PDB file of N, CA and C in Angstrom:
ATOM      1  N   MET A   1       0.819  -1.192   0.000  1.00  0.00           N
ATOM      2  CA  MET A   1       0.000   0.000   0.000  1.00  0.00           C
ATOM      3  C   MET A   1       0.869   1.264   0.000  1.00  0.00           C
ATOM      4  N   LYS A   2       1.946   1.241   0.780  1.00  0.00           N
ATOM      5  CA  LYS A   2       2.827   2.399   0.824  1.00  0.00           C
ATOM      6  C   LYS A   2       3.463   2.652  -0.536  1.00  0.00           C
ATOM      7  N   ILE A   3       3.808   1.574  -1.229  1.00  0.00           N
ATOM      8  CA  ILE A   3       4.464   1.722  -2.531  1.00  0.00           C
ATOM      9  C   ILE A   3       3.500   2.368  -3.520  1.00  0.00           C
ATOM     10  N   ARG A   4       2.236   2.015  -3.470  1.00  0.00           N
ATOM     11  CA  ARG A   4       1.250   2.615  -4.371  1.00  0.00           C
ATOM     12  C   ARG A   4       1.117   4.105  -4.097  1.00  0.00           C
ATOM     13  N   LYS A   5       1.075   4.476  -2.824  1.00  0.00           N
ATOM     14  CA  LYS A   5       0.965   5.891  -2.482  1.00  0.00           C
ATOM     15  C   LYS A   5       2.204   6.652  -2.940  1.00  0.00           C
ATOM     16  N   LEU A   6       3.372   6.071  -2.704  1.00  0.00           N
ATOM     17  CA  LEU A   6       4.612   6.721  -3.117  1.00  0.00           C
ATOM     18  C   LEU A   6       4.684   6.842  -4.632  1.00  0.00           C
ATOM     19  N   THR A   7       4.241   5.803  -5.322  1.00  0.00           N
ATOM     20  CA  THR A   7       4.232   5.842  -6.778  1.00  0.00           C
ATOM     21  C   THR A   7       3.312   6.953  -7.271  1.00  0.00           C
ATOM     22  N   GLY A   8       2.129   7.055  -6.688  1.00  0.00           N
ATOM     23  CA  GLY A   8       1.179   8.103  -7.064  1.00  0.00           C
ATOM     24  C   GLY A   8       1.729   9.491  -6.806  1.00  0.00           C
ATOM     25  N   ILE A   9       2.352   9.675  -5.654  1.00  0.00           N
ATOM     26  CA  ILE A   9       2.937  10.967  -5.321  1.00  0.00           C
ATOM     27  C   ILE A   9       4.058  11.304  -6.295  1.00  0.00           C
ATOM     28  N   PHE A  10       4.891  10.316  -6.602  1.00  0.00           N
ATOM     29  CA  PHE A  10       5.994  10.524  -7.533  1.00  0.00           C
ATOM     30  C   PHE A  10       5.470  10.921  -8.913  1.00  0.00           C
ATOM     31  N   LEU A  11       4.427  10.263  -9.367  1.00  0.00           N
ATOM     32  CA  LEU A  11       3.860  10.593 -10.677  1.00  0.00           C
ATOM     33  C   LEU A  11       3.295  12.007 -10.707  1.00  0.00           C
ATOM     34  N   ILE A  12       2.585  12.391  -9.662  1.00  0.00           N
ATOM     35  CA  ILE A  12       1.981  13.724  -9.611  1.00  0.00           C
ATOM     36  C   ILE A  12       3.062  14.796  -9.565  1.00  0.00           C
ATOM     37  N   LEU A  13       4.077  14.595  -8.721  1.00  0.00           N
ATOM     38  CA  LEU A  13       5.161  15.569  -8.632  1.00  0.00           C
ATOM     39  C   LEU A  13       5.918  15.676  -9.954  1.00  0.00           C
ATOM     40  N   GLY A  14       6.151  14.536 -10.588  1.00  0.00           N
ATOM     41  CA  GLY A  14       6.832  14.552 -11.878  1.00  0.00           C
ATOM     42  C   GLY A  14       6.045  15.317 -12.926  1.00  0.00           C
ATOM     43  N   LEU A  15       4.736  15.124 -12.925  1.00  0.00           N
ATOM     44  CA  LEU A  15       3.889  15.833 -13.882  1.00  0.00           C
ATOM     45  C   LEU A  15       3.918  17.330 -13.628  1.00  0.00           C
ATOM     46  N   LEU A  16       3.780  17.735 -12.377  1.00  0.00           N
ATOM     47  CA  LEU A  16       3.771  19.158 -12.059  1.00  0.00           C
ATOM     48  C   LEU A  16       5.094  19.832 -12.397  1.00  0.00           C
ATOM     49  N   MET A  17       6.189  19.127 -12.164  1.00  0.00           N
ATOM     50  CA  MET A  17       7.499  19.720 -12.438  1.00  0.00           C
ATOM     51  C   MET A  17       7.801  19.773 -13.924  1.00  0.00           C
ATOM     52  N   SER A  18       7.142  18.945 -14.703  1.00  0.00           N
ATOM     53  CA  SER A  18       7.451  18.896 -16.130  1.00  0.00           C
ATOM     54  C   SER A  18       6.559  19.797 -16.980  1.00  0.00           C
ATOM     55  N   LEU A  19       5.612  20.484 -16.378  1.00  0.00           N
ATOM     56  CA  LEU A  19       4.737  21.360 -17.148  1.00  0.00           C
ATOM     57  C   LEU A  19       5.509  22.568 -17.666  1.00  0.00           C
ATOM     58  N   PRO A  20       5.549  22.736 -18.962  1.00  0.00           N
ATOM     59  CA  PRO A  20       6.276  23.882 -19.525  1.00  0.00           C
ATOM     60  C   PRO A  20       5.400  25.134 -19.512  1.00  0.00           C
ATOM     61  N   ALA A  21       5.242  25.739 -18.348  1.00  0.00           N
ATOM     62  CA  ALA A  21       4.317  26.856 -18.179  1.00  0.00           C
ATOM     63  C   ALA A  21       4.678  28.053 -19.051  1.00  0.00           C
ATOM     64  N   PHE A  22       5.948  28.365 -19.128  1.00  0.00           N
ATOM     65  CA  PHE A  22       6.342  29.556 -19.872  1.00  0.00           C
ATOM     66  C   PHE A  22       7.130  29.230 -21.131  1.00  0.00           C
ATOM     67  N   ALA A  23       7.269  27.984 -21.448  1.00  0.00           N
ATOM     68  CA  ALA A  23       8.120  27.578 -22.562  1.00  0.00           C
ATOM     69  C   ALA A  23       7.594  28.077 -23.902  1.00  0.00           C
ATOM     70  N   SER A  24       6.286  28.107 -24.100  1.00  0.00           N
ATOM     71  CA  SER A  24       5.758  28.496 -25.405  1.00  0.00           C
ATOM     72  C   SER A  24       6.103  29.940 -25.738  1.00  0.00           C
ATOM     73  N   ASP A  25       6.060  30.834 -24.747  1.00  0.00           N
ATOM     74  CA  ASP A  25       6.421  32.224 -24.999  1.00  0.00           C
ATOM     75  C   ASP A  25       7.901  32.338 -25.355  1.00  0.00           C
ATOM     76  N   ASP A  26       8.749  31.617 -24.635  1.00  0.00           N
ATOM     77  CA  ASP A  26      10.183  31.673 -24.872  1.00  0.00           C
ATOM     78  C   ASP A  26      10.538  31.124 -26.249  1.00  0.00           C
ATOM     79  N   ILE A  27       9.959  30.000 -26.604  1.00  0.00           N
ATOM     80  CA  ILE A  27      10.296  29.379 -27.886  1.00  0.00           C
ATOM     81  C   ILE A  27       9.822  30.240 -29.050  1.00  0.00           C
ATOM     82  N   GLU A  28       8.672  30.859 -28.901  1.00  0.00           N
ATOM     83  CA  GLU A  28       8.173  31.731 -29.967  1.00  0.00           C
ATOM     84  C   GLU A  28       9.094  32.923 -30.164  1.00  0.00           C
ATOM     85  N   ALA A  29       9.593  33.481 -29.066  1.00  0.00           N
ATOM     86  CA  ALA A  29      10.507  34.616 -29.176  1.00  0.00           C
ATOM     87  C   ALA A  29      11.815  34.204 -29.845  1.00  0.00           C
ATOM     88  N   LEU A  30      12.305  33.017 -29.511  1.00  0.00           N
ATOM     89  CA  LEU A  30      13.539  32.525 -30.125  1.00  0.00           C
ATOM     90  C   LEU A  30      13.353  32.281 -31.620  1.00  0.00           C
ATOM     91  N   ILE A  31      12.205  31.749 -31.980  1.00  0.00           N
ATOM     92  CA  ILE A  31      11.922  31.484 -33.401  1.00  0.00           C
ATOM     93  C   ILE A  31      11.845  32.796 -34.165  1.00  0.00           C
ATOM     94  N   LYS A  32      11.128  33.779 -33.596  1.00  0.00           N
ATOM     95  CA  LYS A  32      11.005  35.080 -34.268  1.00  0.00           C
ATOM     96  C   LYS A  32      12.360  35.760 -34.419  1.00  0.00           C
ATOM     97  N   ALA A  33      13.209  35.587 -33.408  1.00  0.00           N
ATOM     98  CA  ALA A  33      14.536  36.208 -33.450  1.00  0.00           C
ATOM     99  C   ALA A  33      15.497  35.433 -34.355  1.00  0.00           C
ATOM    100  N   GLY A  34      15.163  34.204 -34.688  1.00  0.00           N
ATOM    101  CA  GLY A  34      16.047  33.378 -35.512  1.00  0.00           C
ATOM    102  C   GLY A  34      17.326  33.000 -34.788  1.00  0.00           C
ATOM    103  N   ASP A  35      17.243  32.862 -33.471  1.00  0.00           N
ATOM    104  CA  ASP A  35      18.421  32.540 -32.644  1.00  0.00           C
ATOM    105  C   ASP A  35      18.624  31.023 -32.628  1.00  0.00           C
ATOM    106  N   HIS A  36      19.345  30.521 -33.620  1.00  0.00           N
ATOM    107  CA  HIS A  36      19.508  29.078 -33.771  1.00  0.00           C
ATOM    108  C   HIS A  36      20.349  28.457 -32.664  1.00  0.00           C
ATOM    109  N   ARG A  37      21.281  29.202 -32.124  1.00  0.00           N
ATOM    110  CA  ARG A  37      22.098  28.669 -31.028  1.00  0.00           C
ATOM    111  C   ARG A  37      21.228  28.393 -29.797  1.00  0.00           C
ATOM    112  N   LYS A  38      20.377  29.349 -29.451  1.00  0.00           N
ATOM    113  CA  LYS A  38      19.505  29.146 -28.289  1.00  0.00           C
ATOM    114  C   LYS A  38      18.430  28.107 -28.582  1.00  0.00           C
ATOM    115  N   LEU A  39      17.965  28.048 -29.823  1.00  0.00           N
ATOM    116  CA  LEU A  39      16.995  27.022 -30.191  1.00  0.00           C
ATOM    117  C   LEU A  39      17.618  25.637 -30.084  1.00  0.00           C
ATOM    118  N   GLU A  40      18.856  25.508 -30.516  1.00  0.00           N
ATOM    119  CA  GLU A  40      19.553  24.228 -30.373  1.00  0.00           C
ATOM    120  C   GLU A  40      19.638  23.833 -28.905  1.00  0.00           C
ATOM    121  N   MET A  41      20.011  24.783 -28.058  1.00  0.00           N
ATOM    122  CA  MET A  41      20.126  24.496 -26.630  1.00  0.00           C
ATOM    123  C   MET A  41      18.763  24.137 -26.029  1.00  0.00           C
ATOM    124  N   TYR A  42      17.718  24.837 -26.472  1.00  0.00           N
ATOM    125  CA  TYR A  42      16.366  24.555 -25.986  1.00  0.00           C
ATOM    126  C   TYR A  42      15.974  23.114 -26.317  1.00  0.00           C
ATOM    127  N   TYR A  43      16.187  22.711 -27.572  1.00  0.00           N
ATOM    128  CA  TYR A  43      15.781  21.368 -27.985  1.00  0.00           C
ATOM    129  C   TYR A  43      16.650  20.284 -27.355  1.00  0.00           C
ATOM    130  N   LEU A  44      17.924  20.578 -27.103  1.00  0.00           N
ATOM    131  CA  LEU A  44      18.764  19.611 -26.392  1.00  0.00           C
ATOM    132  C   LEU A  44      18.277  19.425 -24.954  1.00  0.00           C
ATOM    133  N   GLU A  45      17.876  20.510 -24.324  1.00  0.00           N
ATOM    134  CA  GLU A  45      17.335  20.417 -22.961  1.00  0.00           C
ATOM    135  C   GLU A  45      16.010  19.663 -22.961  1.00  0.00           C
ATOM    136  N   GLU A  46      15.194  19.937 -23.969  1.00  0.00           N
ATOM    137  CA  GLU A  46      13.916  19.234 -24.109  1.00  0.00           C
ATOM    138  C   GLU A  46      14.161  17.734 -24.300  1.00  0.00           C
ATOM    139  N   ALA A  47      15.142  17.379 -25.117  1.00  0.00           N
ATOM    140  CA  ALA A  47      15.475  15.969 -25.334  1.00  0.00           C
ATOM    141  C   ALA A  47      15.928  15.319 -24.031  1.00  0.00           C
ATOM    142  N   LYS A  48      16.692  16.040 -23.248  1.00  0.00           N
ATOM    143  CA  LYS A  48      17.158  15.529 -21.956  1.00  0.00           C
ATOM    144  C   LYS A  48      15.971  15.255 -21.027  1.00  0.00           C
ATOM    145  N   ASN A  49      15.024  16.185 -20.983  1.00  0.00           N
ATOM    146  CA  ASN A  49      13.833  16.001 -20.139  1.00  0.00           C
ATOM    147  C   ASN A  49      12.978  14.837 -20.626  1.00  0.00           C
ATOM    148  N   LEU A  50      12.841  14.706 -21.930  1.00  0.00           N
ATOM    149  CA  LEU A  50      12.050  13.609 -22.485  1.00  0.00           C
ATOM    150  C   LEU A  50      12.704  12.257 -22.223  1.00  0.00           C
ATOM    151  N   LYS A  51      14.021  12.211 -22.260  1.00  0.00           N
ATOM    152  CA  LYS A  51      14.730  10.970 -21.947  1.00  0.00           C
ATOM    153  C   LYS A  51      14.489  10.576 -20.493  1.00  0.00           C
ATOM    154  N   ALA A  52      14.512  11.557 -19.596  1.00  0.00           N
ATOM    155  CA  ALA A  52      14.262  11.274 -18.178  1.00  0.00           C
ATOM    156  C   ALA A  52      12.848  10.718 -17.982  1.00  0.00           C
ATOM    157  N   LYS A  53      11.881  11.274 -18.698  1.00  0.00           N
ATOM    158  CA  LYS A  53      10.506  10.780 -18.598  1.00  0.00           C
ATOM    159  C   LYS A  53      10.399   9.362 -19.147  1.00  0.00           C
ATOM    160  N   SER A  54      11.049   9.114 -20.281  1.00  0.00           N
ATOM    161  CA  SER A  54      11.043   7.779 -20.865  1.00  0.00           C
ATOM    162  C   SER A  54      11.649   6.771 -19.898  1.00  0.00           C
ATOM    163  N   ASP A  55      12.784   7.136 -19.316  1.00  0.00           N
ATOM    164  CA  ASP A  55      13.449   6.246 -18.364  1.00  0.00           C
ATOM    165  C   ASP A  55      12.565   5.972 -17.149  1.00  0.00           C
ATOM    166  N   LYS A  56      11.848   6.996 -16.701  1.00  0.00           N
ATOM    167  CA  LYS A  56      10.969   6.842 -15.538  1.00  0.00           C
ATOM    168  C   LYS A  56       9.877   5.806 -15.814  1.00  0.00           C
ATOM    169  N   TRP A  57       9.225   5.904 -16.976  1.00  0.00           N
ATOM    170  CA  TRP A  57       8.158   4.965 -17.296  1.00  0.00           C
ATOM    171  C   TRP A  57       8.707   3.556 -17.495  1.00  0.00           C
ATOM    172  N   GLU A  58       9.908   3.460 -18.023  1.00  0.00           N
ATOM    173  CA  GLU A  58      10.532   2.148 -18.202  1.00  0.00           C
ATOM    174  C   GLU A  58      10.838   1.513 -16.841  1.00  0.00           C
ATOM    175  N   VAL A  59      11.262   2.326 -15.888  1.00  0.00           N
ATOM    176  CA  VAL A  59      11.524   1.821 -14.527  1.00  0.00           C
ATOM    177  C   VAL A  59      10.239   1.302 -13.905  1.00  0.00           C
ATOM    178  N   PHE A  60       9.143   2.026 -14.093  1.00  0.00           N
ATOM    179  CA  PHE A  60       7.863   1.557 -13.557  1.00  0.00           C
ATOM    180  C   PHE A  60       7.466   0.217 -14.175  1.00  0.00           C
ATOM    181  N   ALA A  61       7.665   0.088 -15.483  1.00  0.00           N
ATOM    182  CA  ALA A  61       7.341  -1.173 -16.153  1.00  0.00           C
ATOM    183  C   ALA A  61       8.181  -2.315 -15.593  1.00  0.00           C
ATOM    184  N   GLU A  62       9.458  -2.063 -15.412  1.00  0.00           N
ATOM    185  CA  GLU A  62      10.337  -3.086 -14.844  1.00  0.00           C
ATOM    186  C   GLU A  62       9.928  -3.440 -13.414  1.00  0.00           C
ATOM    187  N   TYR A  63       9.512  -2.433 -12.668  1.00  0.00           N
ATOM    188  CA  TYR A  63       9.078  -2.669 -11.291  1.00  0.00           C
ATOM    189  C   TYR A  63       7.879  -3.617 -11.265  1.00  0.00           C
ATOM    190  N   TYR A  64       6.883  -3.338 -12.086  1.00  0.00           N
ATOM    191  CA  TYR A  64       5.687  -4.183 -12.093  1.00  0.00           C
ATOM    192  C   TYR A  64       5.969  -5.567 -12.666  1.00  0.00           C
ATOM    193  N   GLU A  65       6.981  -5.685 -13.514  1.00  0.00           N
ATOM    194  CA  GLU A  65       7.370  -7.022 -13.968  1.00  0.00           C
ATOM    195  C   GLU A  65       7.971  -7.826 -12.823  1.00  0.00           C
ATOM    196  N   LYS A  66       8.751  -7.156 -11.992  1.00  0.00           N
ATOM    197  CA  LYS A  66       9.389  -7.844 -10.872  1.00  0.00           C
ATOM    198  C   LYS A  66       8.418  -8.083  -9.720  1.00  0.00           C
ATOM    199  N   PHE A  67       7.496  -7.150  -9.519  1.00  0.00           N
ATOM    200  CA  PHE A  67       6.551  -7.240  -8.405  1.00  0.00           C
ATOM    201  C   PHE A  67       5.117  -7.084  -8.905  1.00  0.00           C
ATOM    202  N   PRO A  68       4.605  -8.058  -9.648  1.00  0.00           N
ATOM    203  CA  PRO A  68       3.255  -7.925 -10.222  1.00  0.00           C
ATOM    204  C   PRO A  68       2.152  -7.876  -9.164  1.00  0.00           C
ATOM    205  N   ASP A  69       2.418  -8.376  -7.963  1.00  0.00           N
ATOM    206  CA  ASP A  69       1.400  -8.339  -6.918  1.00  0.00           C
ATOM    207  C   ASP A  69       1.151  -6.927  -6.398  1.00  0.00           C
ATOM    208  N   GLU A  70       2.052  -5.987  -6.694  1.00  0.00           N
ATOM    209  CA  GLU A  70       1.882  -4.603  -6.252  1.00  0.00           C
ATOM    210  C   GLU A  70       0.851  -3.857  -7.100  1.00  0.00           C
ATOM    211  N   TYR A  71       0.521  -4.390  -8.249  1.00  0.00           N
ATOM    212  CA  TYR A  71      -0.459  -3.738  -9.110  1.00  0.00           C
ATOM    213  C   TYR A  71      -1.848  -3.984  -8.554  1.00  0.00           C
ATOM    214  N   SER A  72      -2.597  -2.922  -8.356  1.00  0.00           N
ATOM    215  CA  SER A  72      -3.913  -3.027  -7.719  1.00  0.00           C
ATOM    216  C   SER A  72      -5.029  -3.409  -8.684  1.00  0.00           C
ATOM    217  N   GLY A  73      -4.750  -3.447  -9.970  1.00  0.00           N
ATOM    218  CA  GLY A  73      -5.793  -3.711 -10.959  1.00  0.00           C
ATOM    219  C   GLY A  73      -6.062  -5.179 -11.214  1.00  0.00           C
ATOM    220  N   GLY A  74      -5.451  -6.058 -10.457  1.00  0.00           N
ATOM    221  CA  GLY A  74      -5.678  -7.485 -10.646  1.00  0.00           C
ATOM    222  C   GLY A  74      -4.575  -8.120 -11.464  1.00  0.00           C
ATOM    223  N   SER A  75      -4.319  -9.371 -11.165  1.00  0.00           N
ATOM    224  CA  SER A  75      -3.203 -10.058 -11.817  1.00  0.00           C
ATOM    225  C   SER A  75      -3.433 -10.268 -13.315  1.00  0.00           C
ATOM    226  N   GLU A  76      -4.687 -10.320 -13.742  1.00  0.00           N
ATOM    227  CA  GLU A  76      -4.953 -10.516 -15.166  1.00  0.00           C
ATOM    228  C   GLU A  76      -4.680  -9.257 -15.983  1.00  0.00           C
ATOM    229  N   ASN A  77      -4.650  -8.099 -15.324  1.00  0.00           N
ATOM    230  CA  ASN A  77      -4.438  -6.836 -16.035  1.00  0.00           C
ATOM    231  C   ASN A  77      -3.020  -6.290 -15.918  1.00  0.00           C
ATOM    232  N   VAL A  78      -2.181  -6.919 -15.105  1.00  0.00           N
ATOM    233  CA  VAL A  78      -0.848  -6.365 -14.871  1.00  0.00           C
ATOM    234  C   VAL A  78      -0.021  -6.337 -16.155  1.00  0.00           C
ATOM    235  N   HIS A  79      -0.151  -7.327 -17.010  1.00  0.00           N
ATOM    236  CA  HIS A  79       0.624  -7.345 -18.250  1.00  0.00           C
ATOM    237  C   HIS A  79       0.166  -6.247 -19.215  1.00  0.00           C
ATOM    238  N   LYS A  80      -1.122  -5.968 -19.217  1.00  0.00           N
ATOM    239  CA  LYS A  80      -1.636  -4.875 -20.034  1.00  0.00           C
ATOM    240  C   LYS A  80      -1.096  -3.536 -19.505  1.00  0.00           C
ATOM    241  N   HIS A  81      -1.068  -3.403 -18.187  1.00  0.00           N
ATOM    242  CA  HIS A  81      -0.552  -2.189 -17.570  1.00  0.00           C
ATOM    243  C   HIS A  81       0.928  -1.999 -17.910  1.00  0.00           C
ATOM    244  N   ILE A  82       1.701  -3.060 -17.836  1.00  0.00           N
ATOM    245  CA  ILE A  82       3.124  -2.998 -18.177  1.00  0.00           C
ATOM    246  C   ILE A  82       3.291  -2.580 -19.641  1.00  0.00           C
ATOM    247  N   GLY A  83       2.447  -3.118 -20.502  1.00  0.00           N
ATOM    248  CA  GLY A  83       2.482  -2.732 -21.915  1.00  0.00           C
ATOM    249  C   GLY A  83       2.187  -1.251 -22.104  1.00  0.00           C
ATOM    250  N   ASN A  84       1.220  -0.738 -21.344  1.00  0.00           N
ATOM    251  CA  ASN A  84       0.897   0.688 -21.422  1.00  0.00           C
ATOM    252  C   ASN A  84       2.059   1.553 -20.941  1.00  0.00           C
ATOM    253  N   LEU A  85       2.704   1.114 -19.850  1.00  0.00           N
ATOM    254  CA  LEU A  85       3.860   1.854 -19.349  1.00  0.00           C
ATOM    255  C   LEU A  85       4.977   1.882 -20.387  1.00  0.00           C
ATOM    256  N   ARG A  86       5.207   0.760 -21.018  1.00  0.00           N
ATOM    257  CA  ARG A  86       6.258   0.691 -22.051  1.00  0.00           C
ATOM    258  C   ARG A  86       5.878   1.544 -23.272  1.00  0.00           C
ATOM    259  N   ALA A  87       4.598   1.589 -23.591  1.00  0.00           N
ATOM    260  CA  ALA A  87       4.152   2.424 -24.720  1.00  0.00           C
ATOM    261  C   ALA A  87       4.403   3.901 -24.414  1.00  0.00           C
ATOM    262  N   MET A  88       4.146   4.316 -23.174  1.00  0.00           N
ATOM    263  CA  MET A  88       4.420   5.705 -22.801  1.00  0.00           C
ATOM    264  C   MET A  88       5.916   5.982 -22.884  1.00  0.00           C
ATOM    265  N   ALA A  89       6.726   5.039 -22.414  1.00  0.00           N
ATOM    266  CA  ALA A  89       8.185   5.199 -22.498  1.00  0.00           C
ATOM    267  C   ALA A  89       8.614   5.334 -23.950  1.00  0.00           C
ATOM    268  N   ASP A  90       8.045   4.533 -24.832  1.00  0.00           N
ATOM    269  CA  ASP A  90       8.375   4.605 -26.259  1.00  0.00           C
ATOM    270  C   ASP A  90       7.971   5.949 -26.864  1.00  0.00           C
ATOM    271  N   ASP A  91       6.787   6.454 -26.465  1.00  0.00           N
ATOM    272  CA  ASP A  91       6.343   7.750 -26.982  1.00  0.00           C
ATOM    273  C   ASP A  91       7.301   8.863 -26.574  1.00  0.00           C
ATOM    274  N   TYR A  92       7.718   8.857 -25.321  1.00  0.00           N
ATOM    275  CA  TYR A  92       8.680   9.862 -24.863  1.00  0.00           C
ATOM    276  C   TYR A  92      10.020   9.682 -25.575  1.00  0.00           C
ATOM    277  N   ARG A  93      10.417   8.445 -25.821  1.00  0.00           N
ATOM    278  CA  ARG A  93      11.675   8.190 -26.505  1.00  0.00           C
ATOM    279  C   ARG A  93      11.618   8.730 -27.943  1.00  0.00           C
ATOM    280  N   LYS A  94      10.488   8.533 -28.627  1.00  0.00           N
ATOM    281  CA  LYS A  94      10.330   9.065 -29.983  1.00  0.00           C
ATOM    282  C   LYS A  94      10.387  10.588 -29.978  1.00  0.00           C
ATOM    283  N   ALA A  95       9.719  11.202 -29.010  1.00  0.00           N
ATOM    284  CA  ALA A  95       9.750  12.663 -28.899  1.00  0.00           C
ATOM    285  C   ALA A  95      11.161  13.156 -28.609  1.00  0.00           C
ATOM    286  N   MET A  96      11.915  12.393 -27.818  1.00  0.00           N
ATOM    287  CA  MET A  96      13.297  12.741 -27.529  1.00  0.00           C
ATOM    288  C   MET A  96      14.110  12.770 -28.820  1.00  0.00           C
ATOM    289  N   HIS A  97      13.930  11.752 -29.654  1.00  0.00           N
ATOM    290  CA  HIS A  97      14.661  11.700 -30.918  1.00  0.00           C
ATOM    291  C   HIS A  97      14.268  12.865 -31.833  1.00  0.00           C
ATOM    292  N   GLU A  98      13.007  13.234 -31.824  1.00  0.00           N
ATOM    293  CA  GLU A  98      12.563  14.375 -32.625  1.00  0.00           C
ATOM    294  C   GLU A  98      13.197  15.668 -32.123  1.00  0.00           C
ATOM    295  N   ALA A  99      13.267  15.831 -30.801  1.00  0.00           N
ATOM    296  CA  ALA A  99      13.895  17.032 -30.238  1.00  0.00           C
ATOM    297  C   ALA A  99      15.383  17.070 -30.579  1.00  0.00           C
ATOM    298  N   ARG A 100      16.041  15.931 -30.533  1.00  0.00           N
ATOM    299  CA  ARG A 100      17.463  15.888 -30.909  1.00  0.00           C
ATOM    300  C   ARG A 100      17.641  16.233 -32.382  1.00  0.00           C
ATOM    301  N   ASP A 101      16.714  15.762 -33.210  1.00  0.00           N
ATOM    302  CA  ASP A 101      16.783  16.076 -34.633  1.00  0.00           C
ATOM    303  C   ASP A 101      16.613  17.584 -34.859  1.00  0.00           C
ATOM    304  N   LEU A 102      15.672  18.196 -34.151  1.00  0.00           N
ATOM    305  CA  LEU A 102      15.486  19.646 -34.272  1.00  0.00           C
ATOM    306  C   LEU A 102      16.720  20.396 -33.791  1.00  0.00           C
ATOM    307  N   ALA A 103      17.332  19.923 -32.708  1.00  0.00           N
ATOM    308  CA  ALA A 103      18.562  20.551 -32.223  1.00  0.00           C
ATOM    309  C   ALA A 103      19.657  20.456 -33.281  1.00  0.00           C
ATOM    310  N   SER A 104      19.752  19.313 -33.916  1.00  0.00           N
ATOM    311  CA  SER A 104      20.763  19.112 -34.962  1.00  0.00           C
ATOM    312  C   SER A 104      20.518  20.044 -36.141  1.00  0.00           C
ATOM    313  N   ARG A 105      19.261  20.198 -36.509  1.00  0.00           N
ATOM    314  CA  ARG A 105      18.927  21.098 -37.622  1.00  0.00           C
ATOM    315  C   ARG A 105      19.315  22.537 -37.294  1.00  0.00           C
ATOM    316  N   HIS A 106      19.015  22.963 -36.074  1.00  0.00           N
ATOM    317  CA  HIS A 106      19.365  24.326 -35.688  1.00  0.00           C
ATOM    318  C   HIS A 106      20.876  24.495 -35.590  1.00  0.00           C
ATOM    319  N   HIS A 107      21.559  23.439 -35.180  1.00  0.00           N
ATOM    320  CA  HIS A 107      23.021  23.498 -35.130  1.00  0.00           C
ATOM    321  C   HIS A 107      23.598  23.714 -36.529  1.00  0.00           C
ATOM    322  N   SER A 108      23.042  23.031 -37.513  1.00  0.00           N
ATOM    323  CA  SER A 108      23.530  23.220 -38.883  1.00  0.00           C
ATOM    324  C   SER A 108      23.209  24.624 -39.405  1.00  0.00           C
ATOM    325  N   LEU A 109      22.109  25.207 -38.936  1.00  0.00           N
ATOM    326  CA  LEU A 109      21.762  26.574 -39.359  1.00  0.00           C
ATOM    327  C   LEU A 109      22.681  27.601 -38.721  1.00  0.00           C
ATOM    328  N   ILE A 110      23.274  27.295 -37.570  1.00  0.00           N
ATOM    329  CA  ILE A 110      24.227  28.204 -36.945  1.00  0.00           C
ATOM    330  C   ILE A 110      25.411  28.401 -37.870  1.00  0.00           C
ATOM    331  N   ARG A 111      25.888  27.304 -38.419  1.00  0.00           N
ATOM    332  CA  ARG A 111      27.069  27.351 -39.284  1.00  0.00           C
ATOM    333  C   ARG A 111      26.751  28.001 -40.630  1.00  0.00           C
ATOM    334  N   LYS A 112      25.555  27.740 -41.146  1.00  0.00           N
ATOM    335  CA  LYS A 112      25.203  28.240 -42.475  1.00  0.00           C
ATOM    336  C   LYS A 112      24.669  29.670 -42.428  1.00  0.00           C
ATOM    337  N   GLY A 113      24.008  30.017 -41.340  1.00  0.00           N
ATOM    338  CA  GLY A 113      23.356  31.312 -41.251  1.00  0.00           C
ATOM    339  C   GLY A 113      21.901  31.193 -41.677  1.00  0.00           C
ATOM    340  N   PRO A 114      21.154  32.292 -41.573  1.00  0.00           N
ATOM    341  CA  PRO A 114      19.709  32.233 -41.889  1.00  0.00           C
ATOM    342  C   PRO A 114      19.406  31.980 -43.336  1.00  0.00           C
TER     343      PRO A 114
END
């Protein structure tokens, strides 16, 4: 029971800390300014955050594989839950690769110019 509460608290805190409250204003200003160096840095940081999220969901999936009795949804649903956790990890991993690709594109624009 304690593990479920801790898991829930961890998920909520992770979600709250990952909300990009002011990021849209900053990114729009960088795009308008054509600041490719800062855009590259922004997307590299975004990729780093997405990797951390992907790793987090993968850890949860591994946890439930090792301790399936901790899942409260019943033993018949634990494998489906693990699959969902892995799917979320994959989605974050794909987004991470996209952010790295955008960073790479902006890096090449630094050298070439606008």
